[in-house]
Amino acid sequence: MNILVTGGYGFIGANFILYWLSKYPNDKVINVDLCTYAAVKLNLKTVEKSNRYFMVKADIADYETMERIVEQYEVDYIVNFAAESHNSNSIINPTAFYKTNLLGLQTLMEVVRNNKRIKRIHHISTCEVYGDMDLDSEQSFDENSPLGGNSPYSSSKACAQLAAKAYYKTYDIPITVSVCSNNYGPYQFPEKLIPLFVTNMLEGRPLTLYTESYYKREWLHVEDHCRAIETILLNGVNGEIYNIGSGIEKSVDEIADIILSYFGKSEEQKVIVPSRPSHDRRYLLNSNKIRKDLLWEPRINFESGIISTIDWYVNNREWWKPLLEKRKVSEKSW
């Protein structure tokens, strides 16, 4: 089997490539990445010399190039991780988000529509496409919840999900979509919450929290996410959307407290900054469908998972230290 992975130098894409090559010794993986600021080549250093791994620098919104890659490597499956994903960046440069997240997927679907060899394209979406909910709500978002999106990032992903539905309904392309909660784990770029807080501690800097640090997020270990994608890719039904969540919710305050406790630091290390525009309160996914229909369940306990994640950043300073100067956003930009 030949799998084309877009955005393979990113956090989840790299973890997926390492997972797949380790589990399926007869398969090949083609990594297509535009190599923007958040792409980290070190993520795949352990497989870069493998004769089962290939890397092509390309823009997924370039139809001719993507068509050529699919034909050259005789691609069977496409998994689309490629995305601009940092909400703060989307407020400053929304155009890049709509180009990659919407037009990029649309281009890939055109390639699939014109290439009958491809058995399935799987698109990775985000819980933010459903908008947000009240902090005390007893409801959760299921696959039939209406799409929302309150930032350029989340709305661009919601638009992409609508495009995926349209291509399935109109052209019957073999496509599945997964909507996932917040991920954590190794190789996450240090502009995101957990690695940002851990590296700040290691660098002797305070933890910057938005005013509404009691807002909640649902957390899933990236390895559990990779297993869910694998399950959908092999057993999912074309045209279906699958929510992927753990049911474990933690506020930013709670995450900060876990990290402060790990390093033996007090709450005095917290610094409150004004919230960014369109800051969502809470996302919680109902993932009963993938659990019931495809028999997937998360395996990694949050308490042990976050400690092993913090350990990874503590023990891999040579990975994250060169990335600190690439972080693009000051949380005071607005």
C-alpha atoms as a PDB file:
ATOM      1  CA  MET A   1       0.000   0.000   0.000  1.00  0.00           C
ATOM      2  CA  ASN A   2       1.245   3.483  -0.878  1.00  0.00           C
ATOM      3  CA  ILE A   3      -0.060   6.294   1.354  1.00  0.00           C
ATOM      4  CA  LEU A   4       0.352   9.970   0.556  1.00  0.00           C
ATOM      5  CA  VAL A   5       0.423  12.039   3.744  1.00  0.00           C
ATOM      6  CA  THR A   6       0.134  15.798   3.389  1.00  0.00           C
ATOM      7  CA  GLY A   7       1.657  17.970   6.100  1.00  0.00           C
ATOM      8  CA  GLY A   8       3.883  15.139   7.280  1.00  0.00           C
ATOM      9  CA  TYR A   9       6.436  17.416   8.937  1.00  0.00           C
ATOM     10  CA  GLY A  10       3.742  18.730  11.289  1.00  0.00           C
ATOM     11  CA  PHE A  11       2.858  17.432  14.727  1.00  0.00           C
ATOM     12  CA  ILE A  12       0.086  14.922  13.986  1.00  0.00           C
ATOM     13  CA  GLY A  13       1.254  14.112  10.457  1.00  0.00           C
ATOM     14  CA  ALA A  14       4.740  13.156  11.645  1.00  0.00           C
ATOM     15  CA  ASN A  15       3.378  11.012  14.458  1.00  0.00           C
ATOM     16  CA  PHE A  16       1.096   9.272  11.966  1.00  0.00           C
ATOM     17  CA  ILE A  17       3.946   8.557   9.534  1.00  0.00           C
ATOM     18  CA  LEU A  18       6.119   7.107  12.305  1.00  0.00           C
ATOM     19  CA  TYR A  19       3.179   5.023  13.537  1.00  0.00           C
ATOM     20  CA  TRP A  20       2.304   3.690  10.088  1.00  0.00           C
ATOM     21  CA  LEU A  21       5.840   2.813   8.973  1.00  0.00           C
ATOM     22  CA  SER A  22       6.433   1.016  12.258  1.00  0.00           C
ATOM     23  CA  LYS A  23       3.210  -1.012  12.118  1.00  0.00           C
ATOM     24  CA  TYR A  24       3.090  -1.791   8.379  1.00  0.00           C
ATOM     25  CA  PRO A  25       6.552  -2.917   7.199  1.00  0.00           C
ATOM     26  CA  ASN A  26       5.448  -3.515   3.596  1.00  0.00           C
ATOM     27  CA  ASP A  27       3.843  -0.108   3.034  1.00  0.00           C
ATOM     28  CA  LYS A  28       5.347   3.078   1.629  1.00  0.00           C
ATOM     29  CA  VAL A  29       4.598   6.621   2.747  1.00  0.00           C
ATOM     30  CA  ILE A  30       4.997   9.747   0.625  1.00  0.00           C
ATOM     31  CA  ASN A  31       5.202  12.947   2.668  1.00  0.00           C
ATOM     32  CA  VAL A  32       4.099  16.107   0.840  1.00  0.00           C
ATOM     33  CA  ASP A  33       4.870  19.239   2.822  1.00  0.00           C
ATOM     34  CA  LEU A  34       5.260  22.892   1.839  1.00  0.00           C
ATOM     35  CA  CYS A  35       7.860  23.295   4.608  1.00  0.00           C
ATOM     36  CA  THR A  36       6.419  26.439   6.202  1.00  0.00           C
ATOM     37  CA  TYR A  37       7.666  27.778   9.546  1.00  0.00           C
ATOM     38  CA  ALA A  38       5.957  25.018  11.581  1.00  0.00           C
ATOM     39  CA  ALA A  39       7.390  22.140   9.519  1.00  0.00           C
ATOM     40  CA  VAL A  40      10.102  20.330  11.460  1.00  0.00           C
ATOM     41  CA  LYS A  41      12.282  17.972   9.441  1.00  0.00           C
ATOM     42  CA  LEU A  42      13.765  16.515  12.619  1.00  0.00           C
ATOM     43  CA  ASN A  43      10.365  14.929  13.318  1.00  0.00           C
ATOM     44  CA  LEU A  44      11.100  12.278  10.689  1.00  0.00           C
ATOM     45  CA  LYS A  45      14.857  11.986  11.011  1.00  0.00           C
ATOM     46  CA  THR A  46      14.598   8.337  12.069  1.00  0.00           C
ATOM     47  CA  VAL A  47      12.918   7.337   8.788  1.00  0.00           C
ATOM     48  CA  GLU A  48      14.399   9.789   6.280  1.00  0.00           C
ATOM     49  CA  LYS A  49      16.824   7.180   4.901  1.00  0.00           C
ATOM     50  CA  SER A  50      14.232   4.411   4.715  1.00  0.00           C
ATOM     51  CA  ASN A  51      13.455   3.024   1.281  1.00  0.00           C
ATOM     52  CA  ARG A  52       9.783   3.092   2.291  1.00  0.00           C
ATOM     53  CA  TYR A  53       9.647   6.836   2.988  1.00  0.00           C
ATOM     54  CA  PHE A  54       9.677   9.589   0.368  1.00  0.00           C
ATOM     55  CA  MET A  55       9.470  13.344   0.820  1.00  0.00           C
ATOM     56  CA  VAL A  56       8.302  15.899  -1.761  1.00  0.00           C
ATOM     57  CA  LYS A  57       8.191  19.626  -1.084  1.00  0.00           C
ATOM     58  CA  ALA A  58       4.971  20.864  -2.683  1.00  0.00           C
ATOM     59  CA  ASP A  59       1.854  22.968  -2.205  1.00  0.00           C
ATOM     60  CA  ILE A  60      -1.319  20.876  -1.977  1.00  0.00           C
ATOM     61  CA  ALA A  61      -3.154  23.695  -3.774  1.00  0.00           C
ATOM     62  CA  ASP A  62      -0.996  23.079  -6.898  1.00  0.00           C
ATOM     63  CA  TYR A  63      -3.101  20.667  -8.957  1.00  0.00           C
ATOM     64  CA  GLU A  64      -0.515  19.728 -11.603  1.00  0.00           C
ATOM     65  CA  THR A  65       2.137  18.911  -9.010  1.00  0.00           C
ATOM     66  CA  MET A  66      -0.202  16.865  -6.840  1.00  0.00           C
ATOM     67  CA  GLU A  67      -1.497  14.938  -9.854  1.00  0.00           C
ATOM     68  CA  ARG A  68       2.074  14.149 -10.891  1.00  0.00           C
ATOM     69  CA  ILE A  69       2.989  12.938  -7.387  1.00  0.00           C
ATOM     70  CA  VAL A  70      -0.054  10.682  -7.189  1.00  0.00           C
ATOM     71  CA  GLU A  71       0.785   9.094 -10.539  1.00  0.00           C
ATOM     72  CA  GLN A  72       4.536   8.832  -9.927  1.00  0.00           C
ATOM     73  CA  TYR A  73       4.185   7.076  -6.573  1.00  0.00           C
ATOM     74  CA  GLU A  74       1.083   5.069  -7.507  1.00  0.00           C
ATOM     75  CA  VAL A  75      -0.783   6.395  -4.476  1.00  0.00           C
ATOM     76  CA  ASP A  76      -3.541   4.219  -3.004  1.00  0.00           C
ATOM     77  CA  TYR A  77      -4.651   6.444  -0.110  1.00  0.00           C
ATOM     78  CA  ILE A  78      -4.344  10.120   0.811  1.00  0.00           C
ATOM     79  CA  VAL A  79      -4.450  11.392   4.392  1.00  0.00           C
ATOM     80  CA  ASN A  80      -4.726  15.174   4.518  1.00  0.00           C
ATOM     81  CA  PHE A  81      -3.135  16.704   7.619  1.00  0.00           C
ATOM     82  CA  ALA A  82      -1.859  19.793   5.786  1.00  0.00           C
ATOM     83  CA  ALA A  83      -3.295  22.871   7.466  1.00  0.00           C
ATOM     84  CA  GLU A  84      -2.609  26.241   8.910  1.00  0.00           C
ATOM     85  CA  SER A  85      -3.776  25.550  12.438  1.00  0.00           C
ATOM     86  CA  HIS A  86      -2.804  28.253  14.926  1.00  0.00           C
ATOM     87  CA  ASN A  87      -5.825  30.369  15.798  1.00  0.00           C
ATOM     88  CA  SER A  88      -3.753  33.397  16.746  1.00  0.00           C
ATOM     89  CA  ASN A  89      -1.987  33.365  13.372  1.00  0.00           C
ATOM     90  CA  SER A  90      -5.322  33.143  11.582  1.00  0.00           C
ATOM     91  CA  ILE A  91      -6.399  36.446  13.057  1.00  0.00           C
ATOM     92  CA  ILE A  92      -3.297  38.146  11.644  1.00  0.00           C
ATOM     93  CA  ASN A  93      -3.116  36.393   8.243  1.00  0.00           C
ATOM     94  CA  PRO A  94      -6.496  34.802   7.378  1.00  0.00           C
ATOM     95  CA  THR A  95      -5.748  34.466   3.644  1.00  0.00           C
ATOM     96  CA  ALA A  96      -3.144  31.739   4.203  1.00  0.00           C
ATOM     97  CA  PHE A  97      -5.670  29.743   6.209  1.00  0.00           C
ATOM     98  CA  TYR A  98      -8.401  29.769   3.567  1.00  0.00           C
ATOM     99  CA  LYS A  99      -5.906  28.926   0.830  1.00  0.00           C
ATOM    100  CA  THR A 100      -4.419  25.875   2.533  1.00  0.00           C
ATOM    101  CA  ASN A 101      -7.370  24.630   4.545  1.00  0.00           C
ATOM    102  CA  LEU A 102     -10.105  25.069   1.936  1.00  0.00           C
ATOM    103  CA  LEU A 103      -8.536  25.363  -1.520  1.00  0.00           C
ATOM    104  CA  GLY A 104      -5.858  22.837  -0.634  1.00  0.00           C
ATOM    105  CA  LEU A 105      -8.436  20.167   0.178  1.00  0.00           C
ATOM    106  CA  GLN A 106     -10.507  21.081  -2.873  1.00  0.00           C
ATOM    107  CA  THR A 107      -7.431  20.569  -5.070  1.00  0.00           C
ATOM    108  CA  LEU A 108      -6.739  17.168  -3.532  1.00  0.00           C
ATOM    109  CA  MET A 109     -10.348  16.138  -4.103  1.00  0.00           C
ATOM    110  CA  GLU A 110     -10.040  17.153  -7.755  1.00  0.00           C
ATOM    111  CA  VAL A 111      -6.996  14.896  -8.045  1.00  0.00           C
ATOM    112  CA  VAL A 112      -8.970  12.036  -6.488  1.00  0.00           C
ATOM    113  CA  ARG A 113     -11.944  12.718  -8.775  1.00  0.00           C
ATOM    114  CA  ASN A 114      -9.687  12.352 -11.808  1.00  0.00           C
ATOM    115  CA  ASN A 115      -7.668   9.367 -10.571  1.00  0.00           C
ATOM    116  CA  LYS A 116      -9.659   6.181 -10.084  1.00  0.00           C
ATOM    117  CA  ARG A 117      -6.704   4.335  -8.553  1.00  0.00           C
ATOM    118  CA  ILE A 118      -7.097   6.147  -5.222  1.00  0.00           C
ATOM    119  CA  LYS A 119      -9.166   4.054  -2.832  1.00  0.00           C
ATOM    120  CA  ARG A 120      -9.831   6.823  -0.303  1.00  0.00           C
ATOM    121  CA  ILE A 121      -8.899  10.325   0.753  1.00  0.00           C
ATOM    122  CA  HIS A 122      -9.227  10.988   4.457  1.00  0.00           C
ATOM    123  CA  HIS A 123      -9.454  14.582   5.673  1.00  0.00           C
ATOM    124  CA  ILE A 124      -8.484  15.663   9.186  1.00  0.00           C
ATOM    125  CA  SER A 125     -10.790  18.298  10.633  1.00  0.00           C
ATOM    126  CA  THR A 126     -11.109  19.908  14.072  1.00  0.00           C
ATOM    127  CA  CYS A 127     -13.647  20.145  16.881  1.00  0.00           C
ATOM    128  CA  GLU A 128     -13.694  23.908  16.342  1.00  0.00           C
ATOM    129  CA  VAL A 129     -15.853  23.506  13.225  1.00  0.00           C
ATOM    130  CA  TYR A 130     -18.900  23.152  15.470  1.00  0.00           C
ATOM    131  CA  GLY A 131     -18.414  26.515  17.156  1.00  0.00           C
ATOM    132  CA  ASP A 132     -18.393  26.636  20.943  1.00  0.00           C
ATOM    133  CA  MET A 133     -20.766  25.804  23.788  1.00  0.00           C
ATOM    134  CA  ASP A 134     -21.639  27.003  27.280  1.00  0.00           C
ATOM    135  CA  LEU A 135     -19.217  25.921  29.994  1.00  0.00           C
ATOM    136  CA  ASP A 136     -22.026  24.266  31.969  1.00  0.00           C
ATOM    137  CA  SER A 137     -23.768  22.655  28.989  1.00  0.00           C
ATOM    138  CA  GLU A 138     -24.680  18.982  29.337  1.00  0.00           C
ATOM    139  CA  GLN A 139     -24.663  18.585  25.565  1.00  0.00           C
ATOM    140  CA  SER A 140     -21.826  17.535  23.226  1.00  0.00           C
ATOM    141  CA  PHE A 141     -21.248  17.920  19.508  1.00  0.00           C
ATOM    142  CA  ASP A 142     -22.076  14.898  17.361  1.00  0.00           C
ATOM    143  CA  GLU A 143     -21.534  14.396  13.646  1.00  0.00           C
ATOM    144  CA  ASN A 144     -24.903  15.982  12.828  1.00  0.00           C
ATOM    145  CA  SER A 145     -24.293  19.177  14.782  1.00  0.00           C
ATOM    146  CA  PRO A 146     -24.438  22.300  12.608  1.00  0.00           C
ATOM    147  CA  LEU A 147     -21.112  23.718  11.494  1.00  0.00           C
ATOM    148  CA  GLY A 148     -19.982  27.020  12.921  1.00  0.00           C
ATOM    149  CA  GLY A 149     -16.494  28.439  13.196  1.00  0.00           C
ATOM    150  CA  ASN A 150     -15.753  31.688  14.995  1.00  0.00           C
ATOM    151  CA  SER A 151     -12.210  32.402  13.777  1.00  0.00           C
ATOM    152  CA  PRO A 152     -10.621  32.379  10.313  1.00  0.00           C
ATOM    153  CA  TYR A 153      -8.995  29.064  11.259  1.00  0.00           C
ATOM    154  CA  SER A 154     -12.127  27.267  12.416  1.00  0.00           C
ATOM    155  CA  SER A 155     -14.304  28.713   9.663  1.00  0.00           C
ATOM    156  CA  SER A 156     -11.790  27.669   6.986  1.00  0.00           C
ATOM    157  CA  LYS A 157     -11.901  24.116   8.347  1.00  0.00           C
ATOM    158  CA  ALA A 158     -15.714  24.207   8.437  1.00  0.00           C
ATOM    159  CA  CYS A 159     -15.750  25.357   4.807  1.00  0.00           C
ATOM    160  CA  ALA A 160     -13.442  22.479   3.914  1.00  0.00           C
ATOM    161  CA  GLN A 161     -15.778  20.021   5.590  1.00  0.00           C
ATOM    162  CA  LEU A 162     -18.694  21.347   3.551  1.00  0.00           C
ATOM    163  CA  ALA A 163     -16.576  21.022   0.413  1.00  0.00           C
ATOM    164  CA  ALA A 164     -15.836  17.384   1.299  1.00  0.00           C
ATOM    165  CA  LYS A 165     -19.561  16.701   1.656  1.00  0.00           C
ATOM    166  CA  ALA A 166     -20.272  18.401  -1.669  1.00  0.00           C
ATOM    167  CA  TYR A 167     -17.623  16.373  -3.520  1.00  0.00           C
ATOM    168  CA  TYR A 168     -18.963  13.154  -2.067  1.00  0.00           C
ATOM    169  CA  LYS A 169     -22.581  13.987  -2.902  1.00  0.00           C
ATOM    170  CA  THR A 170     -21.818  15.401  -6.363  1.00  0.00           C
ATOM    171  CA  TYR A 171     -18.945  13.247  -7.617  1.00  0.00           C
ATOM    172  CA  ASP A 172     -19.109  10.218  -5.296  1.00  0.00           C
ATOM    173  CA  ILE A 173     -15.415  10.455  -4.499  1.00  0.00           C
ATOM    174  CA  PRO A 174     -14.194   8.014  -1.826  1.00  0.00           C
ATOM    175  CA  ILE A 175     -13.745  10.373   1.121  1.00  0.00           C
ATOM    176  CA  THR A 176     -14.031  10.223   4.891  1.00  0.00           C
ATOM    177  CA  VAL A 177     -13.629  13.031   7.420  1.00  0.00           C
ATOM    178  CA  SER A 178     -12.608  12.933  11.066  1.00  0.00           C
ATOM    179  CA  VAL A 179     -13.228  15.706  13.577  1.00  0.00           C
ATOM    180  CA  CYS A 180     -10.793  15.521  16.467  1.00  0.00           C
ATOM    181  CA  SER A 181     -10.405  17.149  19.854  1.00  0.00           C
ATOM    182  CA  ASN A 182      -7.193  18.882  20.995  1.00  0.00           C
ATOM    183  CA  ASN A 183      -4.147  16.650  20.656  1.00  0.00           C
ATOM    184  CA  TYR A 184      -1.061  16.509  22.851  1.00  0.00           C
ATOM    185  CA  GLY A 185       2.138  14.492  22.692  1.00  0.00           C
ATOM    186  CA  PRO A 186       5.692  14.617  21.276  1.00  0.00           C
ATOM    187  CA  TYR A 187       6.757  16.747  18.299  1.00  0.00           C
ATOM    188  CA  GLN A 188       4.137  19.478  18.819  1.00  0.00           C
ATOM    189  CA  PHE A 189       5.404  22.884  17.700  1.00  0.00           C
ATOM    190  CA  PRO A 190       6.135  25.035  20.788  1.00  0.00           C
ATOM    191  CA  GLU A 191       3.565  27.717  19.965  1.00  0.00           C
ATOM    192  CA  LYS A 192       0.776  25.389  21.133  1.00  0.00           C
ATOM    193  CA  LEU A 193      -0.385  25.346  24.742  1.00  0.00           C
ATOM    194  CA  ILE A 194       1.334  22.369  26.399  1.00  0.00           C
ATOM    195  CA  PRO A 195       4.758  22.622  24.718  1.00  0.00           C
ATOM    196  CA  LEU A 196       4.616  26.423  25.081  1.00  0.00           C
ATOM    197  CA  PHE A 197       4.088  26.164  28.822  1.00  0.00           C
ATOM    198  CA  VAL A 198       6.702  23.431  29.271  1.00  0.00           C
ATOM    199  CA  THR A 199       9.370  25.232  27.266  1.00  0.00           C
ATOM    200  CA  ASN A 200       8.582  28.488  29.089  1.00  0.00           C
ATOM    201  CA  MET A 201       9.247  26.720  32.370  1.00  0.00           C
ATOM    202  CA  LEU A 202      12.509  25.276  31.062  1.00  0.00           C
ATOM    203  CA  GLU A 203      13.564  28.712  29.800  1.00  0.00           C
ATOM    204  CA  GLY A 204      12.681  30.456  33.054  1.00  0.00           C
ATOM    205  CA  ARG A 205       9.759  32.392  31.593  1.00  0.00           C
ATOM    206  CA  PRO A 206       6.247  32.815  33.054  1.00  0.00           C
ATOM    207  CA  LEU A 207       3.128  31.097  31.743  1.00  0.00           C
ATOM    208  CA  THR A 208       0.900  33.504  29.814  1.00  0.00           C
ATOM    209  CA  LEU A 209      -2.802  32.740  30.244  1.00  0.00           C
ATOM    210  CA  TYR A 210      -5.733  34.508  28.639  1.00  0.00           C
ATOM    211  CA  THR A 211      -8.185  36.266  30.935  1.00  0.00           C
ATOM    212  CA  GLU A 212     -10.668  33.414  30.451  1.00  0.00           C
ATOM    213  CA  SER A 213      -8.207  30.690  31.464  1.00  0.00           C
ATOM    214  CA  TYR A 214     -11.124  28.670  32.832  1.00  0.00           C
ATOM    215  CA  TYR A 215     -12.272  27.902  29.258  1.00  0.00           C
ATOM    216  CA  LYS A 216     -12.195  24.153  28.605  1.00  0.00           C
ATOM    217  CA  ARG A 217     -10.745  21.861  25.935  1.00  0.00           C
ATOM    218  CA  GLU A 218     -11.038  18.107  25.362  1.00  0.00           C
ATOM    219  CA  TRP A 219      -7.630  16.384  25.237  1.00  0.00           C
ATOM    220  CA  LEU A 220      -6.554  13.306  23.256  1.00  0.00           C
ATOM    221  CA  HIS A 221      -3.069  11.817  22.999  1.00  0.00           C
ATOM    222  CA  VAL A 222      -1.734  11.947  19.450  1.00  0.00           C
ATOM    223  CA  GLU A 223      -1.068   8.191  19.405  1.00  0.00           C
ATOM    224  CA  ASP A 224      -4.746   7.498  20.074  1.00  0.00           C
ATOM    225  CA  HIS A 225      -5.572   9.894  17.230  1.00  0.00           C
ATOM    226  CA  CYS A 226      -3.242   7.982  14.874  1.00  0.00           C
ATOM    227  CA  ARG A 227      -4.982   4.718  15.731  1.00  0.00           C
ATOM    228  CA  ALA A 228      -8.358   6.313  15.056  1.00  0.00           C
ATOM    229  CA  ILE A 229      -7.243   7.538  11.625  1.00  0.00           C
ATOM    230  CA  GLU A 230      -5.892   4.082  10.851  1.00  0.00           C
ATOM    231  CA  THR A 231      -9.247   2.561  11.817  1.00  0.00           C
ATOM    232  CA  ILE A 232     -11.196   4.966   9.616  1.00  0.00           C
ATOM    233  CA  LEU A 233      -8.811   4.589   6.692  1.00  0.00           C
ATOM    234  CA  LEU A 234      -9.139   0.808   6.693  1.00  0.00           C
ATOM    235  CA  ASN A 235     -12.733   0.321   7.861  1.00  0.00           C
ATOM    236  CA  GLY A 236     -14.576   3.636   7.546  1.00  0.00           C
ATOM    237  CA  VAL A 237     -17.530   4.212   5.234  1.00  0.00           C
ATOM    238  CA  ASN A 238     -17.203   6.675   2.355  1.00  0.00           C
ATOM    239  CA  GLY A 239     -19.064   9.925   2.900  1.00  0.00           C
ATOM    240  CA  GLU A 240     -19.092   9.526   6.687  1.00  0.00           C
ATOM    241  CA  ILE A 241     -17.796  11.888   9.360  1.00  0.00           C
ATOM    242  CA  TYR A 242     -16.307  10.461  12.559  1.00  0.00           C
ATOM    243  CA  ASN A 243     -15.767  12.442  15.762  1.00  0.00           C
ATOM    244  CA  ILE A 244     -12.635  11.452  17.690  1.00  0.00           C
ATOM    245  CA  GLY A 245     -12.545  12.441  21.337  1.00  0.00           C
ATOM    246  CA  SER A 246     -11.458  11.230  24.754  1.00  0.00           C
ATOM    247  CA  GLY A 247     -14.182  12.805  26.886  1.00  0.00           C
ATOM    248  CA  ILE A 248     -11.403  14.249  29.083  1.00  0.00           C
ATOM    249  CA  GLU A 249     -11.789  18.005  29.557  1.00  0.00           C
ATOM    250  CA  LYS A 250      -9.231  20.302  31.165  1.00  0.00           C
ATOM    251  CA  SER A 251      -9.140  24.083  31.366  1.00  0.00           C
ATOM    252  CA  VAL A 252      -6.051  26.098  30.513  1.00  0.00           C
ATOM    253  CA  ASP A 253      -5.731  26.820  34.241  1.00  0.00           C
ATOM    254  CA  GLU A 254      -5.710  23.095  35.017  1.00  0.00           C
ATOM    255  CA  ILE A 255      -3.083  22.407  32.356  1.00  0.00           C
ATOM    256  CA  ALA A 256      -0.944  25.223  33.759  1.00  0.00           C
ATOM    257  CA  ASP A 257      -1.292  23.818  37.285  1.00  0.00           C
ATOM    258  CA  ILE A 258      -0.201  20.344  36.168  1.00  0.00           C
ATOM    259  CA  ILE A 259       2.905  21.794  34.528  1.00  0.00           C
ATOM    260  CA  LEU A 260       3.694  24.096  37.468  1.00  0.00           C
ATOM    261  CA  SER A 261       3.373  21.124  39.845  1.00  0.00           C
ATOM    262  CA  TYR A 262       5.710  19.040  37.669  1.00  0.00           C
ATOM    263  CA  PHE A 263       8.407  21.711  37.971  1.00  0.00           C
ATOM    264  CA  GLY A 264       7.678  22.506  41.620  1.00  0.00           C
ATOM    265  CA  LYS A 265       6.635  26.086  40.806  1.00  0.00           C
ATOM    266  CA  SER A 266       3.908  28.271  42.290  1.00  0.00           C
ATOM    267  CA  GLU A 267       0.977  30.099  40.713  1.00  0.00           C
ATOM    268  CA  GLU A 268       3.056  33.260  40.792  1.00  0.00           C
ATOM    269  CA  GLN A 269       4.491  32.045  37.480  1.00  0.00           C
ATOM    270  CA  LYS A 270       1.133  32.765  35.792  1.00  0.00           C
ATOM    271  CA  VAL A 271       0.742  36.031  33.876  1.00  0.00           C
ATOM    272  CA  ILE A 272      -2.697  37.018  32.595  1.00  0.00           C
ATOM    273  CA  VAL A 273      -2.943  38.631  29.135  1.00  0.00           C
ATOM    274  CA  PRO A 274      -6.009  39.895  27.205  1.00  0.00           C
ATOM    275  CA  SER A 275      -7.893  37.195  25.287  1.00  0.00           C
ATOM    276  CA  ARG A 276      -7.623  37.010  21.533  1.00  0.00           C
ATOM    277  CA  PRO A 277     -10.693  37.882  19.451  1.00  0.00           C
ATOM    278  CA  SER A 278     -13.258  35.078  18.899  1.00  0.00           C
ATOM    279  CA  HIS A 279     -11.909  33.005  21.780  1.00  0.00           C
ATOM    280  CA  ASP A 280     -14.177  29.953  22.103  1.00  0.00           C
ATOM    281  CA  ARG A 281     -15.303  28.792  25.521  1.00  0.00           C
ATOM    282  CA  ARG A 282     -15.541  25.039  25.185  1.00  0.00           C
ATOM    283  CA  TYR A 283     -15.632  22.117  22.739  1.00  0.00           C
ATOM    284  CA  LEU A 284     -16.779  18.608  23.658  1.00  0.00           C
ATOM    285  CA  LEU A 285     -17.255  15.850  21.110  1.00  0.00           C
ATOM    286  CA  ASN A 286     -19.620  12.904  21.175  1.00  0.00           C
ATOM    287  CA  SER A 287     -17.456  10.101  19.769  1.00  0.00           C
ATOM    288  CA  ASN A 288     -19.951   7.269  20.216  1.00  0.00           C
ATOM    289  CA  LYS A 289     -20.108   6.660  16.464  1.00  0.00           C
ATOM    290  CA  ILE A 290     -16.471   5.650  15.969  1.00  0.00           C
ATOM    291  CA  ARG A 291     -16.519   3.676  19.210  1.00  0.00           C
ATOM    292  CA  LYS A 292     -19.647   1.733  18.264  1.00  0.00           C
ATOM    293  CA  ASP A 293     -19.267   1.366  14.484  1.00  0.00           C
ATOM    294  CA  LEU A 294     -15.484   0.954  14.202  1.00  0.00           C
ATOM    295  CA  LEU A 295     -14.674  -0.290  17.731  1.00  0.00           C
ATOM    296  CA  TRP A 296     -12.060   2.405  18.430  1.00  0.00           C
ATOM    297  CA  GLU A 297     -11.381   3.625  21.952  1.00  0.00           C
ATOM    298  CA  PRO A 298      -8.608   5.797  23.396  1.00  0.00           C
ATOM    299  CA  ARG A 299      -5.999   3.813  25.312  1.00  0.00           C
ATOM    300  CA  ILE A 300      -3.743   6.437  26.869  1.00  0.00           C
ATOM    301  CA  ASN A 301      -4.736   7.724  30.286  1.00  0.00           C
ATOM    302  CA  PHE A 302      -4.546  11.532  30.441  1.00  0.00           C
ATOM    303  CA  GLU A 303      -2.685  11.717  33.756  1.00  0.00           C
ATOM    304  CA  SER A 304       0.133   9.444  32.584  1.00  0.00           C
ATOM    305  CA  GLY A 305      -0.010  10.778  29.021  1.00  0.00           C
ATOM    306  CA  ILE A 306       0.600  14.400  29.958  1.00  0.00           C
ATOM    307  CA  ILE A 307       3.468  13.503  32.307  1.00  0.00           C
ATOM    308  CA  SER A 308       5.161  11.440  29.576  1.00  0.00           C
ATOM    309  CA  THR A 309       4.616  14.377  27.205  1.00  0.00           C
ATOM    310  CA  ILE A 310       6.245  16.840  29.610  1.00  0.00           C
ATOM    311  CA  ASP A 311       9.103  14.337  30.067  1.00  0.00           C
ATOM    312  CA  TRP A 312       9.598  14.263  26.290  1.00  0.00           C
ATOM    313  CA  TYR A 313      10.081  18.026  26.055  1.00  0.00           C
ATOM    314  CA  VAL A 314      12.376  18.018  29.084  1.00  0.00           C
ATOM    315  CA  ASN A 315      14.544  15.342  27.452  1.00  0.00           C
ATOM    316  CA  ASN A 316      14.505  16.769  23.921  1.00  0.00           C
ATOM    317  CA  ARG A 317      15.728  20.333  24.253  1.00  0.00           C
ATOM    318  CA  GLU A 318      17.781  19.991  21.073  1.00  0.00           C
ATOM    319  CA  TRP A 319      14.495  19.472  19.202  1.00  0.00           C
ATOM    320  CA  TRP A 320      12.515  22.475  20.469  1.00  0.00           C
ATOM    321  CA  LYS A 321      15.182  25.046  21.308  1.00  0.00           C
ATOM    322  CA  PRO A 322      15.913  26.018  17.639  1.00  0.00           C
ATOM    323  CA  LEU A 323      12.154  26.390  17.049  1.00  0.00           C
ATOM    324  CA  LEU A 324      11.561  29.093  19.639  1.00  0.00           C
ATOM    325  CA  GLU A 325      12.684  31.908  17.354  1.00  0.00           C
ATOM    326  CA  LYS A 326      10.280  30.677  14.646  1.00  0.00           C
ATOM    327  CA  ARG A 327       7.189  31.292  16.758  1.00  0.00           C
ATOM    328  CA  LYS A 328       5.323  33.973  14.860  1.00  0.00           C
ATOM    329  CA  VAL A 329       2.747  35.509  17.176  1.00  0.00           C
ATOM    330  CA  SER A 330       2.934  37.782  20.169  1.00  0.00           C
ATOM    331  CA  GLU A 331      -0.229  37.340  22.230  1.00  0.00           C
ATOM    332  CA  LYS A 332      -0.352  41.123  22.506  1.00  0.00           C
ATOM    333  CA  SER A 333      -0.628  41.596  18.718  1.00  0.00           C
ATOM    334  CA  TRP A 334      -4.241  42.626  18.956  1.00  0.00           C
END
